[in-house]
Amino acid sequence: MRTLRRITILTVGLLVALGALWVELSPPHLEVPPQEVSLPEVVIVNPGRERRKITRLEVRSGRIAWMGEGGIGPRVDAPDPSRPFAPDTSRYAGAYVLPGLIDMHVHQPPDTPLGDVELAALLFLRHGVTSVRDTGSFDGAIFAERRRIDGGEIPGPRIFPCGPILDGDPPFWSGSRVVRTADEGRRAVDELAALHVSCIKVYDRISPEALAGIREAADAHELPVIGHVPHAIPFSAARLDDVQHLTGLVEPGEKLTEARIRGIVTASAALHVAHTPTLVFLDRVARLTDYRQAQMAPEAHLLPRYYREILWNPDNDPRLRGLGAADEASLQETLRNAKRVVKALAEAGVEIHVGTDTMNPFVVPGVSLHQEMWALVDAGLTPEQVWIAATRDAARALRQPTLGMVRLGAPADLLIFREDPTVDLNNLQTLEAVVAAGRLYPREALEEAVARWQTHFANPVYDAISMRLASWLVPPR
């Protein structure tokens, strides 16, 4: 009897300890508001098309239901008590309303009990990113995250996934799906299409035969093929819909001549190839030559310590291991070359997409899209051109023609600014609220949620366990 009592006490004690541990590790949550918003006296801005003042913008069930101007149009009724609570939005009178930003190249963090997926989603919203194209999910968790966001369980951007990366044998990344033949390529695309992906991502080691099968099936499913120009296939033969990182065009250490740039531009225009240059990723790789300094970047502290000390440590990344000060000049030259190519492409009318390549080292969700926008301006685009690329052009590439614009019937992904950021990117800092799928998130609510996360991962229990878990994620040397 005494033994049984001891076992019972130990079991209860263990359950209490596990419960306390679960509470310590459970991430903070931001409440998901209803899909109903009413904005009075705002200026709508559709980049590259229009700026006009309207008397009221109404959102119902996640879509723009009414836009009135000049007092003409149906009367806006008083709030219906039967509807979900609608917040007071009078504070936004006179503000600028723009379509939400679209990050065209992201990788979500791994799905772990630590809740990083929710944190990344929150950081996207905090910086006005209301849609993302996920260009390679190794664990398949991206589909579950899409369901949770679409279902209103957690706040976050719309997700347009490619699914797993398709690569040759052996693949560059161990989590990729190996495709060796045209038949395997067709089968892989058919299976991904059944999961309702928005794109097909190919990588460095795909063979010409496999790519032909992938392209055939992707065309049948009306899915764009994006990714790296494979090593074994010339740029003009690959005929990707969207080339990532200027792969196959701008390489480290390459002397880039004007003739070479003209060739890139001519081929891209003739083949209708878009480019997602991810300049911010190149910039962050260059900064990794001084790893200690890179760790001090303020945005790096928006994520738990194990990112900047373990996952983003170049010594733990086979691509970056051995990177040092001697490499900085070459990497900076690569970045300058990439900007030269981007400027030439834009001047020729080749479509440029705004993407970042989160969660690569020090490429932080949300923040990095602002940094990419600035990099594109530095390359020679105007702020308005960058906004067009990050909204309307991106939506068209995602084959979502009603997304990326503020217009009647469109999905209500909206950003509310006190000053117009298409005139000056410094006005990105005047963001007052984000409307994602018709749900209004005031800036202060998003900032408070981020602050709660920072307090959460500063907890010694969370910090110790997360550092241990992160060390297990690092591949052995």
Protein backbone atom coordinates (compact mmCIF):
# COMPACT_ATOMS: atom_id res chain seq x y z
CA MET A 1 0.00 0.00 0.00
CA ARG A 2 2.85 2.36 0.91
CA THR A 3 4.59 1.59 -2.42
CA LEU A 4 1.40 2.35 -4.36
CA ARG A 5 1.05 5.67 -2.49
CA ARG A 6 4.64 6.59 -3.39
CA ILE A 7 4.10 5.71 -7.06
CA THR A 8 0.92 7.82 -7.07
CA ILE A 9 2.71 10.79 -5.49
CA LEU A 10 5.62 10.48 -7.95
CA THR A 11 3.22 10.22 -10.90
CA VAL A 12 1.25 13.28 -9.80
CA GLY A 13 4.49 15.17 -9.19
CA LEU A 14 5.76 14.23 -12.64
CA LEU A 15 2.50 15.32 -14.28
CA VAL A 16 2.60 18.64 -12.42
CA ALA A 17 6.21 19.18 -13.49
CA LEU A 18 5.38 18.33 -17.11
CA GLY A 19 2.38 20.65 -16.96
CA ALA A 20 4.51 23.47 -15.62
CA LEU A 21 7.11 22.81 -18.31
CA TRP A 22 4.39 22.88 -20.99
CA VAL A 23 3.18 26.26 -19.68
CA GLU A 24 6.74 27.59 -19.79
CA LEU A 25 7.19 26.44 -23.40
CA SER A 26 3.75 27.35 -24.73
CA PRO A 27 4.01 30.38 -27.00
CA PRO A 28 1.89 33.50 -26.49
CA HIS A 29 -1.04 33.85 -28.84
CA LEU A 30 -2.58 36.86 -30.57
CA GLU A 31 -6.35 36.78 -30.83
CA VAL A 32 -7.68 36.51 -34.39
CA PRO A 33 -10.26 39.27 -34.98
CA PRO A 34 -13.43 39.00 -37.11
CA GLN A 35 -13.33 39.61 -40.86
CA GLU A 36 -15.13 42.95 -40.71
CA VAL A 37 -13.62 46.42 -41.02
CA SER A 38 -14.92 49.90 -41.80
CA LEU A 39 -12.42 52.65 -42.72
CA PRO A 40 -13.60 56.26 -42.99
CA GLU A 41 -12.21 59.01 -45.26
CA VAL A 42 -9.09 57.28 -46.56
CA VAL A 43 -6.92 57.64 -49.65
CA ILE A 44 -6.61 54.39 -51.56
CA VAL A 45 -3.35 53.88 -53.43
CA ASN A 46 -3.01 51.24 -56.12
CA PRO A 47 0.71 51.54 -56.97
CA GLY A 48 1.31 52.65 -60.53
CA ARG A 49 -2.40 53.18 -61.18
CA GLU A 50 -4.32 55.51 -58.90
CA ARG A 51 -4.56 57.57 -55.77
CA ARG A 52 -8.03 58.71 -54.78
CA LYS A 53 -9.89 59.73 -51.68
CA ILE A 54 -13.02 57.81 -50.72
CA THR A 55 -15.59 58.43 -48.02
CA ARG A 56 -15.53 54.90 -46.66
CA LEU A 57 -14.13 51.44 -47.33
CA GLU A 58 -16.12 48.48 -46.04
CA VAL A 59 -14.85 44.92 -45.55
CA ARG A 60 -17.22 42.00 -45.09
CA SER A 61 -16.31 38.31 -44.87
CA GLY A 62 -12.71 39.04 -45.75
CA ARG A 63 -13.37 40.97 -48.99
CA ILE A 64 -13.76 44.61 -49.93
CA ALA A 65 -17.55 44.93 -50.02
CA TRP A 66 -18.01 48.63 -50.67
CA MET A 67 -15.92 51.69 -51.57
CA GLY A 68 -17.72 55.05 -51.61
CA GLU A 69 -16.53 58.46 -52.70
CA GLY A 70 -17.98 61.92 -52.98
CA GLY A 71 -21.03 60.94 -50.96
CA ILE A 72 -22.33 58.88 -53.89
CA GLY A 73 -23.33 55.28 -53.41
CA PRO A 74 -25.27 53.17 -50.96
CA ARG A 75 -25.56 54.47 -47.43
CA VAL A 76 -23.30 52.80 -44.90
CA ASP A 77 -25.57 51.46 -42.19
CA ALA A 78 -24.82 51.74 -38.52
CA PRO A 79 -23.10 48.66 -37.07
CA ASP A 80 -25.43 45.70 -36.81
CA PRO A 81 -25.51 44.37 -33.20
CA SER A 82 -25.71 40.83 -34.57
CA ARG A 83 -22.36 41.20 -36.34
CA PRO A 84 -19.04 40.50 -34.62
CA PHE A 85 -17.59 43.46 -32.76
CA ALA A 86 -16.11 45.99 -35.20
CA PRO A 87 -13.35 48.19 -33.73
CA ASP A 88 -13.39 51.98 -33.81
CA THR A 89 -11.39 52.99 -36.88
CA SER A 90 -11.97 56.75 -36.82
CA ARG A 91 -8.30 57.19 -35.93
CA TYR A 92 -7.39 56.10 -39.48
CA ALA A 93 -9.25 58.96 -41.17
CA GLY A 94 -7.00 60.63 -43.74
CA ALA A 95 -4.64 57.66 -43.91
CA TYR A 96 -3.33 55.95 -47.05
CA VAL A 97 -4.60 52.44 -47.77
CA LEU A 98 -2.42 50.22 -49.94
CA PRO A 99 -2.52 46.54 -50.90
CA GLY A 100 -0.58 44.20 -48.61
CA LEU A 101 2.98 43.27 -49.47
CA ILE A 102 3.84 39.87 -50.98
CA ASP A 103 7.16 38.16 -50.21
CA MET A 104 7.87 35.93 -53.21
CA HIS A 105 10.61 33.80 -51.68
CA VAL A 106 10.34 32.50 -48.13
CA HIS A 107 11.07 29.31 -46.21
CA GLN A 108 9.08 28.80 -43.05
CA PRO A 109 10.88 27.70 -39.88
CA PRO A 110 10.68 24.03 -38.87
CA ASP A 111 7.46 22.97 -37.16
CA THR A 112 8.52 22.32 -33.57
CA PRO A 113 6.80 22.64 -30.15
CA LEU A 114 8.66 25.93 -29.73
CA GLY A 115 6.10 27.73 -31.90
CA ASP A 116 8.49 29.34 -34.39
CA VAL A 117 5.91 29.02 -37.17
CA GLU A 118 3.50 31.29 -35.30
CA LEU A 119 6.24 33.80 -34.51
CA ALA A 120 7.33 34.02 -38.15
CA ALA A 121 3.72 34.51 -39.24
CA LEU A 122 3.33 37.31 -36.70
CA LEU A 123 6.52 39.04 -37.86
CA PHE A 124 5.32 38.99 -41.45
CA LEU A 125 2.10 40.75 -40.46
CA ARG A 126 3.91 43.24 -38.22
CA HIS A 127 5.79 44.45 -41.31
CA GLY A 128 2.84 44.50 -43.68
CA VAL A 129 3.50 41.20 -45.44
CA THR A 130 0.06 39.69 -46.02
CA SER A 131 1.05 36.98 -48.53
CA VAL A 132 4.11 34.76 -48.97
CA ARG A 133 5.25 32.27 -51.58
CA ASP A 134 6.92 29.39 -49.75
CA THR A 135 9.64 28.10 -52.07
CA GLY A 136 10.51 24.83 -50.41
CA SER A 137 9.07 23.09 -47.37
CA PHE A 138 11.02 20.02 -46.31
CA ASP A 139 8.74 18.68 -43.58
CA GLY A 140 5.38 19.34 -45.26
CA ALA A 141 4.25 21.42 -42.29
CA ILE A 142 3.52 24.34 -44.60
CA PHE A 143 0.18 22.79 -45.59
CA ALA A 144 -0.97 22.52 -41.98
CA GLU A 145 0.09 26.12 -41.35
CA ARG A 146 -1.87 27.25 -44.41
CA ARG A 147 -4.97 25.49 -43.07
CA ARG A 148 -4.59 27.09 -39.63
CA ILE A 149 -4.20 30.59 -41.03
CA ASP A 150 -6.97 30.22 -43.60
CA GLY A 151 -9.24 28.82 -40.90
CA GLY A 152 -8.62 31.78 -38.59
CA GLU A 153 -6.86 29.74 -35.90
CA ILE A 154 -3.69 31.87 -35.90
CA PRO A 155 -2.80 35.24 -37.41
CA GLY A 156 -0.59 35.12 -40.48
CA PRO A 157 -0.18 35.85 -44.16
CA ARG A 158 -1.75 33.93 -47.03
CA ILE A 159 0.56 31.09 -47.99
CA PHE A 160 1.20 30.04 -51.58
CA PRO A 161 3.39 26.92 -51.24
CA CYS A 162 5.54 25.09 -53.76
CA GLY A 163 5.82 22.04 -51.52
CA PRO A 164 9.16 20.20 -51.37
CA ILE A 165 12.04 21.16 -53.64
CA LEU A 166 12.50 18.85 -56.64
CA ASP A 167 16.16 17.98 -57.25
CA GLY A 168 18.40 15.40 -58.87
CA ASP A 169 20.25 12.49 -57.29
CA PRO A 170 21.90 13.15 -54.90
CA PRO A 171 19.94 16.28 -53.91
CA PHE A 172 21.67 19.35 -52.55
CA TRP A 173 19.27 19.41 -49.58
CA SER A 174 18.48 16.11 -47.90
CA GLY A 175 14.79 16.96 -47.51
CA SER A 176 14.25 17.45 -51.25
CA ARG A 177 12.29 15.06 -53.43
CA VAL A 178 14.60 13.26 -55.83
CA VAL A 179 13.43 13.25 -59.46
CA ARG A 180 15.60 11.36 -61.96
CA THR A 181 13.45 10.85 -65.05
CA ALA A 182 10.67 12.56 -66.98
CA ASP A 183 8.14 10.04 -65.61
CA GLU A 184 9.25 10.73 -62.05
CA GLY A 185 9.00 14.46 -62.76
CA ARG A 186 5.45 14.17 -64.06
CA ARG A 187 4.43 11.99 -61.12
CA ALA A 188 5.92 14.41 -58.58
CA VAL A 189 4.06 17.36 -60.08
CA ASP A 190 0.78 15.43 -60.23
CA GLU A 191 1.07 14.57 -56.55
CA LEU A 192 1.93 18.14 -55.58
CA ALA A 193 -0.94 19.52 -57.63
CA ALA A 194 -3.27 17.30 -55.61
CA LEU A 195 -2.06 19.16 -52.52
CA HIS A 196 -3.08 22.47 -54.14
CA VAL A 197 0.39 23.93 -54.44
CA SER A 198 0.85 27.27 -56.17
CA CYS A 199 4.21 26.58 -57.83
CA ILE A 200 6.81 23.91 -58.54
CA LYS A 201 10.36 24.54 -57.28
CA VAL A 202 13.36 22.95 -59.04
CA TYR A 203 16.97 22.98 -57.92
CA ASP A 204 20.59 22.73 -59.01
CA ARG A 205 20.90 19.02 -59.83
CA ILE A 206 17.76 18.40 -61.91
CA SER A 207 18.57 16.72 -65.24
CA PRO A 208 17.26 17.97 -68.60
CA GLU A 209 15.09 14.86 -68.90
CA ALA A 210 13.54 15.29 -65.45
CA LEU A 211 12.94 19.01 -66.02
CA ALA A 212 11.14 18.24 -69.30
CA GLY A 213 8.72 15.95 -67.45
CA ILE A 214 8.23 18.49 -64.68
CA ARG A 215 7.50 21.23 -67.18
CA GLU A 216 5.01 19.08 -69.12
CA ALA A 217 3.00 18.21 -66.01
CA ALA A 218 3.24 21.74 -64.57
CA ASP A 219 1.84 23.18 -67.80
CA ALA A 220 -1.03 20.70 -67.67
CA HIS A 221 -1.84 21.81 -64.11
CA GLU A 222 -1.24 25.50 -64.96
CA LEU A 223 1.49 25.76 -62.35
CA PRO A 224 4.58 27.96 -62.78
CA VAL A 225 8.00 26.31 -62.53
CA ILE A 226 10.40 28.40 -60.50
CA GLY A 227 13.77 27.87 -58.86
CA HIS A 228 17.47 27.64 -59.61
CA VAL A 229 18.74 27.28 -63.14
CA PRO A 230 20.07 23.69 -62.96
CA HIS A 231 23.83 23.23 -63.40
CA ALA A 232 23.40 20.89 -66.38
CA ILE A 233 20.97 23.15 -68.26
CA PRO A 234 21.70 26.52 -69.90
CA PHE A 235 19.54 29.45 -68.83
CA SER A 236 17.78 29.69 -72.20
CA ALA A 237 17.03 25.95 -72.26
CA ALA A 238 15.73 25.80 -68.68
CA ARG A 239 12.91 28.25 -69.51
CA LEU A 240 11.88 28.69 -65.89
CA ASP A 241 8.95 30.99 -65.22
CA ASP A 242 10.81 32.68 -62.37
CA VAL A 243 14.55 32.40 -61.66
CA GLN A 244 15.55 32.69 -58.00
CA HIS A 245 18.69 34.56 -56.85
CA LEU A 246 19.85 35.22 -60.44
CA THR A 247 21.28 31.68 -60.39
CA GLY A 248 23.26 30.77 -63.47
CA LEU A 249 23.62 34.47 -64.25
CA VAL A 250 25.55 36.15 -61.44
CA GLU A 251 28.09 33.98 -59.67
CA PRO A 252 30.66 34.85 -56.96
CA GLY A 253 34.01 35.84 -58.43
CA GLU A 254 32.60 36.26 -61.94
CA LYS A 255 33.68 39.30 -63.96
CA LEU A 256 30.39 40.63 -65.27
CA THR A 257 30.74 42.54 -68.52
CA GLU A 258 28.17 44.80 -70.13
CA ALA A 259 27.88 42.32 -72.99
CA ARG A 260 27.04 39.56 -70.51
CA ILE A 261 24.37 41.75 -68.89
CA ARG A 262 22.83 42.52 -72.28
CA GLY A 263 22.70 38.79 -73.01
CA ILE A 264 20.91 38.10 -69.70
CA VAL A 265 18.39 40.86 -70.34
CA THR A 266 17.74 39.84 -73.96
CA ALA A 267 17.20 36.18 -73.09
CA SER A 268 14.97 37.01 -70.11
CA ALA A 269 12.79 39.33 -72.17
CA ALA A 270 12.52 36.93 -75.10
CA LEU A 271 11.60 33.97 -72.89
CA HIS A 272 9.31 35.99 -70.56
CA VAL A 273 11.35 34.91 -67.55
CA ALA A 274 10.78 36.77 -64.30
CA HIS A 275 13.49 37.16 -61.64
CA THR A 276 13.39 37.12 -57.85
CA PRO A 277 16.90 38.36 -57.04
CA THR A 278 16.77 38.19 -53.19
CA LEU A 279 19.38 40.93 -52.84
CA VAL A 280 18.90 41.00 -49.08
CA PHE A 281 20.08 37.39 -48.88
CA LEU A 282 23.28 38.25 -50.78
CA ASP A 283 23.79 41.22 -48.48
CA ARG A 284 23.38 39.10 -45.36
CA VAL A 285 25.83 36.49 -46.63
CA ALA A 286 28.37 39.27 -47.18
CA ARG A 287 27.78 40.48 -43.61
CA LEU A 288 28.43 36.99 -42.26
CA THR A 289 32.11 37.56 -42.96
CA ASP A 290 31.96 39.40 -39.61
CA TYR A 291 29.73 36.99 -37.73
CA ARG A 292 30.03 38.75 -34.38
CA GLN A 293 28.85 42.01 -35.91
CA ALA A 294 25.99 40.25 -37.73
CA GLN A 295 24.70 38.92 -34.40
CA MET A 296 24.23 42.48 -33.16
CA ALA A 297 21.67 43.43 -35.84
CA PRO A 298 18.49 44.58 -34.01
CA GLU A 299 16.19 42.48 -36.21
CA ALA A 300 18.11 39.31 -35.29
CA HIS A 301 16.82 39.74 -31.73
CA LEU A 302 13.22 39.46 -32.88
CA LEU A 303 13.87 35.70 -32.93
CA PRO A 304 15.10 33.40 -30.14
CA ARG A 305 18.79 33.29 -29.27
CA TYR A 306 19.35 29.87 -30.86
CA TYR A 307 18.91 31.33 -34.33
CA ARG A 308 21.77 33.81 -34.13
CA GLU A 309 24.03 31.56 -32.05
CA ILE A 310 23.37 28.08 -33.48
CA LEU A 311 21.23 27.83 -36.60
CA TRP A 312 22.75 30.93 -38.24
CA ASN A 313 26.30 30.28 -37.14
CA PRO A 314 28.29 29.86 -40.40
CA ASP A 315 30.36 27.11 -38.79
CA ASN A 316 27.16 25.02 -38.65
CA ASP A 317 26.19 25.58 -42.30
CA PRO A 318 28.03 23.54 -44.95
CA ARG A 319 27.46 26.33 -47.52
CA LEU A 320 29.01 29.00 -45.32
CA ARG A 321 31.58 27.14 -43.25
CA GLY A 322 34.96 28.82 -43.42
CA LEU A 323 33.53 32.17 -44.50
CA GLY A 324 35.74 35.01 -43.29
CA ALA A 325 36.93 38.54 -43.82
CA ALA A 326 38.90 37.50 -46.90
CA ASP A 327 35.62 36.72 -48.68
CA GLU A 328 33.96 40.06 -48.05
CA ALA A 329 35.30 41.89 -51.12
CA SER A 330 34.21 39.11 -53.48
CA LEU A 331 30.73 38.88 -51.93
CA GLN A 332 30.24 42.63 -52.05
CA GLU A 333 31.25 42.61 -55.72
CA THR A 334 28.69 39.85 -56.34
CA LEU A 335 26.01 42.01 -54.72
CA ARG A 336 26.98 45.04 -56.84
CA ASN A 337 26.85 42.86 -59.97
CA ALA A 338 23.42 41.57 -59.00
CA LYS A 339 22.15 45.13 -58.63
CA ARG A 340 23.55 46.03 -62.05
CA VAL A 341 21.67 43.11 -63.58
CA VAL A 342 18.45 43.99 -61.71
CA LYS A 343 18.60 47.57 -62.96
CA ALA A 344 19.11 46.44 -66.56
CA LEU A 345 16.29 43.91 -66.30
CA ALA A 346 13.90 46.49 -64.88
CA GLU A 347 14.80 49.05 -67.54
CA ALA A 348 14.02 46.44 -70.22
CA GLY A 349 10.61 45.70 -68.70
CA VAL A 350 11.53 42.25 -67.37
CA GLU A 351 9.41 41.42 -64.34
CA ILE A 352 11.18 41.64 -60.99
CA HIS A 353 9.69 40.02 -57.90
CA VAL A 354 10.39 41.05 -54.33
CA GLY A 355 11.58 38.09 -52.27
CA THR A 356 13.89 37.58 -49.33
CA ASP A 357 14.80 33.92 -48.68
CA THR A 358 13.82 33.76 -45.04
CA MET A 359 14.85 31.85 -42.82
CA ASN A 360 18.41 31.99 -44.08
CA PRO A 361 20.98 33.50 -41.70
CA PHE A 362 19.87 36.92 -40.48
CA VAL A 363 17.10 37.16 -43.08
CA VAL A 364 14.27 37.85 -40.62
CA PRO A 365 10.61 37.49 -41.63
CA GLY A 366 8.94 40.78 -42.49
CA VAL A 367 11.89 43.02 -41.73
CA SER A 368 13.81 41.52 -44.62
CA LEU A 369 11.12 42.45 -47.14
CA HIS A 370 11.58 46.11 -46.22
CA GLN A 371 15.32 45.60 -46.61
CA GLU A 372 14.80 44.01 -50.03
CA MET A 373 12.65 46.94 -51.11
CA TRP A 374 15.43 49.34 -50.14
CA ALA A 375 18.01 47.19 -51.97
CA LEU A 376 15.90 47.33 -55.14
CA VAL A 377 15.68 51.12 -54.86
CA ASP A 378 19.45 51.20 -54.42
CA ALA A 379 19.70 49.11 -57.60
CA GLY A 380 17.83 51.82 -59.52
CA LEU A 381 14.11 51.12 -59.20
CA THR A 382 11.79 53.85 -57.91
CA PRO A 383 9.80 53.26 -54.70
CA GLU A 384 6.61 53.05 -56.75
CA GLN A 385 8.14 50.46 -59.10
CA VAL A 386 9.10 48.39 -56.08
CA TRP A 387 5.57 48.64 -54.71
CA ILE A 388 4.13 47.51 -58.05
CA ALA A 389 6.49 44.53 -58.00
CA ALA A 390 5.60 43.66 -54.40
CA THR A 391 1.84 43.80 -54.94
CA ARG A 392 0.14 43.68 -58.34
CA ASP A 393 2.94 41.96 -60.29
CA ALA A 394 3.45 39.39 -57.55
CA ALA A 395 -0.28 38.62 -57.43
CA ARG A 396 -0.37 38.09 -61.18
CA ALA A 397 2.60 35.71 -60.97
CA LEU A 398 0.75 33.79 -58.25
CA ARG A 399 -2.21 33.65 -60.65
CA GLN A 400 -4.36 35.55 -58.17
CA PRO A 401 -5.63 38.44 -60.30
CA THR A 402 -7.83 39.94 -57.58
CA LEU A 403 -5.00 40.02 -55.03
CA GLY A 404 -2.52 42.87 -54.80
CA MET A 405 -5.02 45.66 -55.45
CA VAL A 406 -7.48 47.77 -53.49
CA ARG A 407 -10.70 47.33 -55.42
CA LEU A 408 -14.28 46.17 -54.98
CA GLY A 409 -14.55 42.42 -54.47
CA ALA A 410 -10.81 41.92 -53.89
CA PRO A 411 -9.44 40.03 -50.88
CA ALA A 412 -9.09 42.54 -48.06
CA ASP A 413 -5.31 42.45 -47.58
CA LEU A 414 -4.65 46.11 -46.80
CA LEU A 415 -2.01 48.29 -45.18
CA ILE A 416 -2.88 51.58 -43.50
CA PHE A 417 -0.14 54.24 -43.51
CA ARG A 418 -0.12 57.79 -42.18
CA GLU A 419 2.17 58.83 -45.08
CA ASP A 420 2.37 57.41 -48.61
CA PRO A 421 5.25 54.86 -48.82
CA THR A 422 5.16 54.73 -52.63
CA VAL A 423 6.61 58.24 -52.63
CA ASP A 424 9.31 57.55 -50.04
CA LEU A 425 10.16 54.15 -48.55
CA ASN A 426 10.95 55.88 -45.26
CA ASN A 427 7.17 56.10 -44.89
CA LEU A 428 7.09 52.34 -44.31
CA GLN A 429 7.71 53.36 -40.72
CA THR A 430 4.32 55.12 -40.61
CA LEU A 431 2.39 51.84 -40.81
CA GLU A 432 -0.62 52.15 -38.50
CA ALA A 433 -2.49 48.90 -39.07
CA VAL A 434 -2.62 45.74 -41.15
CA VAL A 435 -5.76 44.13 -42.54
CA ALA A 436 -5.08 40.47 -43.39
CA ALA A 437 -7.94 38.50 -44.94
CA GLY A 438 -10.29 41.18 -43.65
CA ARG A 439 -8.98 41.03 -40.07
CA LEU A 440 -7.77 44.32 -38.60
CA TYR A 441 -4.54 44.26 -36.58
CA PRO A 442 -3.55 47.69 -35.20
CA ARG A 443 0.19 48.25 -35.17
CA GLU A 444 0.31 48.49 -31.39
CA ALA A 445 -1.43 45.11 -31.05
CA LEU A 446 1.15 43.50 -33.34
CA GLU A 447 4.04 45.17 -31.52
CA GLU A 448 2.66 44.09 -28.15
CA ALA A 449 2.37 40.52 -29.43
CA VAL A 450 5.99 40.58 -30.65
CA ALA A 451 7.09 41.95 -27.26
CA ARG A 452 5.29 39.08 -25.50
CA TRP A 453 7.20 36.65 -27.69
CA GLN A 454 10.50 38.28 -26.78
CA THR A 455 9.64 37.96 -23.09
CA HIS A 456 8.67 34.35 -23.72
CA PHE A 457 11.93 33.29 -25.30
CA ALA A 458 13.94 35.19 -22.71
CA ASN A 459 12.50 32.79 -20.12
CA PRO A 460 15.46 30.71 -18.81
CA VAL A 461 13.55 27.42 -19.16
CA TYR A 462 12.58 28.14 -22.76
CA ASP A 463 16.07 29.41 -23.56
CA ALA A 464 17.82 26.32 -22.17
CA ILE A 465 15.50 23.80 -23.84
CA SER A 466 15.39 25.65 -27.17
CA MET A 467 19.18 25.89 -27.32
CA ARG A 468 19.42 22.13 -26.75
CA LEU A 469 16.78 21.34 -29.38
CA ALA A 470 18.47 23.66 -31.88
CA SER A 471 21.79 21.92 -31.40
CA TRP A 472 20.10 18.66 -32.43
CA LEU A 473 18.89 20.30 -35.66
CA VAL A 474 22.42 21.13 -36.77
CA PRO A 475 23.67 18.50 -39.25
CA PRO A 476 26.84 16.66 -38.22
CA ARG A 477 30.05 17.76 -39.88
